[in-house]
Amino acid sequence: YGAVIRDASRRDASKSIPKQTIPELLFNVENTENAWGLTKGIIISAEKVLLMDISFELIETIENEISEAISRGVTVYVKTSQAGNISGCKFITPKMENPELTHTPHRWVELSADSNHYLLANFKEQQTQVSTGIYCKGQKLGYKFHSGLAHEIMVTQLSKLIENSGDDKLKGQFIELTHETIWEAGTIEAFEASFGEGN
């Protein structure tokens, strides 16, 4: 997968190919082998920025690929439940543990490289099946997915900074904003439903 993605990225970057002819790809990822193959391929393809939201228990599966990306000069942000020990990796962890997410049996990996490649894979228990999986390649859709993941990472870090600021007014405004835009939309319910339990 890595070679395929790298070659596709090089073709996309070629000035001889008009941008409007570059296809936007979006397809389902239906098994764990494809999910991890694409995940590793995306990391290998990263040239500037790699963003990731992943269950902490799954990081070791791609630890080598992350380290190699960092050694190439790629900026890597990983949002997870606790800080890992990968040198040069910028771990983003929540200030307060969310028991509904931290103690769930579900596992997931979500990542984006350079706004061009994006993958989300939600695994059922024991990571033997993918319940929800999508892969996206292309500048338009890729940018949208990348932006969403970037904002999720920024909100997580910003919440800690606001909490430590001692500014109660700012804290109240932030809580109201996140409540109205995220939690009222049924985030936890949607998260659990995405794993397709009972289907």
Protein backbone atom coordinates (compact mmCIF):
# COMPACT_ATOMS: atom_id res chain seq x y z
CA TYR A 1 0.00 0.00 0.00
CA GLY A 2 2.81 2.41 0.84
CA ALA A 3 4.36 2.21 -2.63
CA VAL A 4 0.98 2.65 -4.29
CA ILE A 5 0.17 5.74 -2.25
CA ARG A 6 3.63 7.26 -2.75
CA ASP A 7 3.42 6.73 -6.51
CA ALA A 8 -0.06 8.22 -6.61
CA SER A 9 1.13 11.23 -4.62
CA ARG A 10 4.01 11.80 -7.05
CA ARG A 11 1.65 11.65 -10.01
CA ASP A 12 -0.67 14.08 -8.28
CA ALA A 13 2.22 16.48 -7.72
CA SER A 14 3.27 16.38 -11.36
CA LYS A 15 2.76 19.71 -13.08
CA SER A 16 2.14 17.87 -16.36
CA ILE A 17 -1.20 16.60 -15.03
CA PRO A 18 -3.96 19.25 -14.76
CA LYS A 19 -5.35 19.36 -11.25
CA GLN A 20 -8.92 18.96 -12.44
CA THR A 21 -8.11 15.51 -13.86
CA ILE A 22 -6.94 14.10 -10.52
CA PRO A 23 -9.70 11.81 -9.23
CA GLU A 24 -11.10 12.17 -5.74
CA LEU A 25 -11.33 8.70 -4.21
CA LEU A 26 -13.59 7.62 -1.36
CA PHE A 27 -14.24 3.99 -0.57
CA ASN A 28 -15.12 1.63 2.27
CA VAL A 29 -12.47 -0.32 4.15
CA GLU A 30 -13.97 -3.68 5.04
CA ASN A 31 -11.31 -5.75 6.79
CA THR A 32 -8.49 -5.33 9.27
CA GLU A 33 -5.74 -6.29 6.82
CA ASN A 34 -6.71 -3.48 4.45
CA ALA A 35 -7.18 -1.07 7.35
CA TRP A 36 -3.67 -1.59 8.68
CA GLY A 37 -2.14 -1.77 5.21
CA LEU A 38 -3.64 1.60 4.31
CA THR A 39 -2.74 3.05 7.71
CA LYS A 40 0.92 2.14 7.29
CA GLY A 41 0.87 3.31 3.67
CA ILE A 42 -0.51 6.71 4.66
CA ILE A 43 2.19 7.14 7.31
CA ILE A 44 4.88 6.16 4.81
CA SER A 45 3.47 8.67 2.30
CA ALA A 46 3.52 11.60 4.74
CA GLU A 47 5.90 14.40 3.79
CA LYS A 48 4.95 17.33 6.03
CA VAL A 49 2.23 16.70 8.60
CA LEU A 50 0.65 13.55 10.01
CA LEU A 51 -2.36 13.77 12.32
CA MET A 52 -3.75 10.81 14.19
CA ASP A 53 -6.47 9.87 16.67
CA ILE A 54 -5.93 6.33 17.89
CA SER A 55 -6.68 3.99 20.77
CA PHE A 56 -3.55 3.93 22.91
CA GLU A 57 -3.40 0.12 22.82
CA LEU A 58 -2.99 0.15 19.04
CA ILE A 59 -0.04 2.54 18.78
CA GLU A 60 2.56 -0.22 19.01
CA THR A 61 1.19 -1.67 15.75
CA ILE A 62 2.50 1.36 13.84
CA GLU A 63 5.22 2.63 16.19
CA ASN A 64 8.04 1.91 13.73
CA GLU A 65 6.28 3.71 10.87
CA ILE A 66 5.63 6.74 13.08
CA SER A 67 9.28 6.88 14.17
CA GLU A 68 10.45 6.64 10.57
CA ALA A 69 8.12 9.48 9.54
CA ILE A 70 9.51 11.67 12.31
CA SER A 71 13.06 10.84 11.20
CA ARG A 72 12.11 12.13 7.71
CA GLY A 73 11.13 15.47 9.23
CA VAL A 74 7.36 14.89 9.32
CA THR A 75 5.50 16.70 12.11
CA VAL A 76 3.41 14.09 13.92
CA TYR A 77 0.52 14.75 16.30
CA VAL A 78 -1.16 11.79 17.99
CA LYS A 79 -4.35 12.23 20.00
CA THR A 80 -4.83 9.36 22.42
CA SER A 81 -5.74 8.61 26.03
CA GLN A 82 -2.20 8.86 27.45
CA ALA A 83 1.23 9.98 26.33
CA GLY A 84 3.45 7.44 24.62
CA ASN A 85 7.23 7.25 24.41
CA ILE A 86 7.90 7.75 20.71
CA SER A 87 10.71 10.30 20.43
CA GLY A 88 9.67 13.45 18.60
CA CYS A 89 5.97 12.55 18.52
CA LYS A 90 3.61 15.22 19.87
CA PHE A 91 1.05 13.41 21.98
CA ILE A 92 -2.21 15.20 22.69
CA THR A 93 -4.11 13.81 25.67
CA PRO A 94 -7.31 15.00 27.35
CA LYS A 95 -6.97 16.80 30.67
CA MET A 96 -9.68 14.68 32.21
CA GLU A 97 -10.35 11.04 31.43
CA ASN A 98 -13.65 10.38 29.69
CA PRO A 99 -14.70 7.00 31.12
CA GLU A 100 -17.17 6.36 28.31
CA LEU A 101 -14.33 6.49 25.78
CA THR A 102 -11.37 5.35 27.86
CA HIS A 103 -12.99 2.16 29.13
CA THR A 104 -14.86 1.17 25.98
CA PRO A 105 -13.86 -2.20 24.49
CA HIS A 106 -13.82 -0.59 21.05
CA ARG A 107 -10.64 0.43 19.27
CA TRP A 108 -10.07 2.81 16.39
CA VAL A 109 -7.49 4.54 14.24
CA GLU A 110 -8.05 7.78 12.36
CA LEU A 111 -5.28 9.57 10.49
CA SER A 112 -4.58 12.14 7.81
CA ALA A 113 -1.37 12.92 5.93
CA ASP A 114 -0.74 16.28 4.27
CA SER A 115 -4.48 16.83 3.63
CA ASN A 116 -4.27 14.26 0.81
CA HIS A 117 -4.89 10.88 2.43
CA TYR A 118 -7.36 10.08 5.21
CA LEU A 119 -8.49 6.88 6.88
CA LEU A 120 -10.89 5.99 9.67
CA ALA A 121 -11.26 2.42 10.90
CA ASN A 122 -13.40 1.42 13.86
CA PHE A 123 -12.67 -2.10 15.07
CA LYS A 124 -14.94 -4.47 16.93
CA GLU A 125 -13.64 -6.23 20.03
CA GLN A 126 -10.32 -8.06 19.61
CA GLN A 127 -9.73 -6.06 16.39
CA THR A 128 -10.81 -9.01 14.25
CA GLN A 129 -13.35 -7.01 12.23
CA VAL A 130 -13.80 -3.50 10.90
CA SER A 131 -17.28 -2.21 11.69
CA THR A 132 -16.84 1.21 10.04
CA GLY A 133 -13.99 2.03 7.69
CA ILE A 134 -13.41 4.67 5.03
CA TYR A 135 -10.41 5.78 3.01
CA CYS A 136 -10.16 9.07 1.15
CA LYS A 137 -7.60 10.35 -1.32
CA GLY A 138 -7.68 13.78 -2.92
CA GLN A 139 -7.19 17.44 -2.12
CA LYS A 140 -10.83 18.48 -1.72
CA LEU A 141 -12.22 15.72 0.46
CA GLY A 142 -8.82 15.19 2.03
CA TYR A 143 -8.70 18.81 3.17
CA LYS A 144 -12.15 18.54 4.80
CA PHE A 145 -11.26 15.38 6.71
CA HIS A 146 -7.83 16.76 7.65
CA SER A 147 -9.38 19.98 8.96
CA GLY A 148 -11.88 18.07 11.09
CA LEU A 149 -9.16 15.97 12.69
CA ALA A 150 -6.92 19.01 13.16
CA HIS A 151 -9.70 20.91 14.94
CA GLU A 152 -10.41 17.91 17.17
CA ILE A 153 -6.76 17.84 18.21
CA MET A 154 -6.69 21.61 18.73
CA VAL A 155 -9.85 21.57 20.86
CA THR A 156 -8.39 18.84 23.06
CA GLN A 157 -5.22 20.85 23.66
CA LEU A 158 -7.08 24.16 23.96
CA SER A 159 -9.37 22.74 26.63
CA LYS A 160 -6.35 22.01 28.83
CA LEU A 161 -4.91 25.49 28.30
CA ILE A 162 -8.25 27.12 29.18
CA GLU A 163 -8.67 24.90 32.22
CA ASN A 164 -5.24 25.94 33.48
CA SER A 165 -5.75 29.63 32.70
CA GLY A 166 -7.92 30.30 35.74
CA ASP A 167 -10.25 32.42 33.60
CA ASP A 168 -13.73 31.29 34.67
CA LYS A 169 -15.50 33.40 32.05
CA LEU A 170 -13.43 31.95 29.24
CA LYS A 171 -13.88 28.46 30.65
CA GLY A 172 -17.65 28.93 30.78
CA GLN A 173 -17.78 30.17 27.18
CA PHE A 174 -15.69 27.24 26.02
CA ILE A 175 -17.86 24.69 27.84
CA GLU A 176 -21.02 26.24 26.39
CA LEU A 177 -19.58 26.20 22.88
CA THR A 178 -18.44 22.58 23.02
CA HIS A 179 -21.70 21.50 24.63
CA GLU A 180 -23.85 23.13 21.95
CA THR A 181 -21.73 22.10 18.96
CA ILE A 182 -20.53 18.63 20.03
CA TRP A 183 -22.30 17.01 22.95
CA GLU A 184 -25.85 18.03 22.03
CA ALA A 185 -25.28 16.31 18.70
CA GLY A 186 -25.11 12.96 20.52
CA THR A 187 -21.37 12.39 20.19
CA ILE A 188 -21.12 9.36 22.47
CA GLU A 189 -24.21 7.72 20.97
CA ALA A 190 -22.89 8.28 17.45
CA PHE A 191 -19.47 6.98 18.49
CA GLU A 192 -20.91 3.75 19.88
CA ALA A 193 -23.22 3.30 16.89
CA SER A 194 -20.27 3.58 14.48
CA PHE A 195 -18.95 0.24 15.73
CA GLY A 196 -22.11 -1.48 14.58
CA GLU A 197 -22.61 -3.58 17.68
CA GLY A 198 -25.59 -5.83 17.37
CA ASN A 199 -25.57 -5.74 13.55
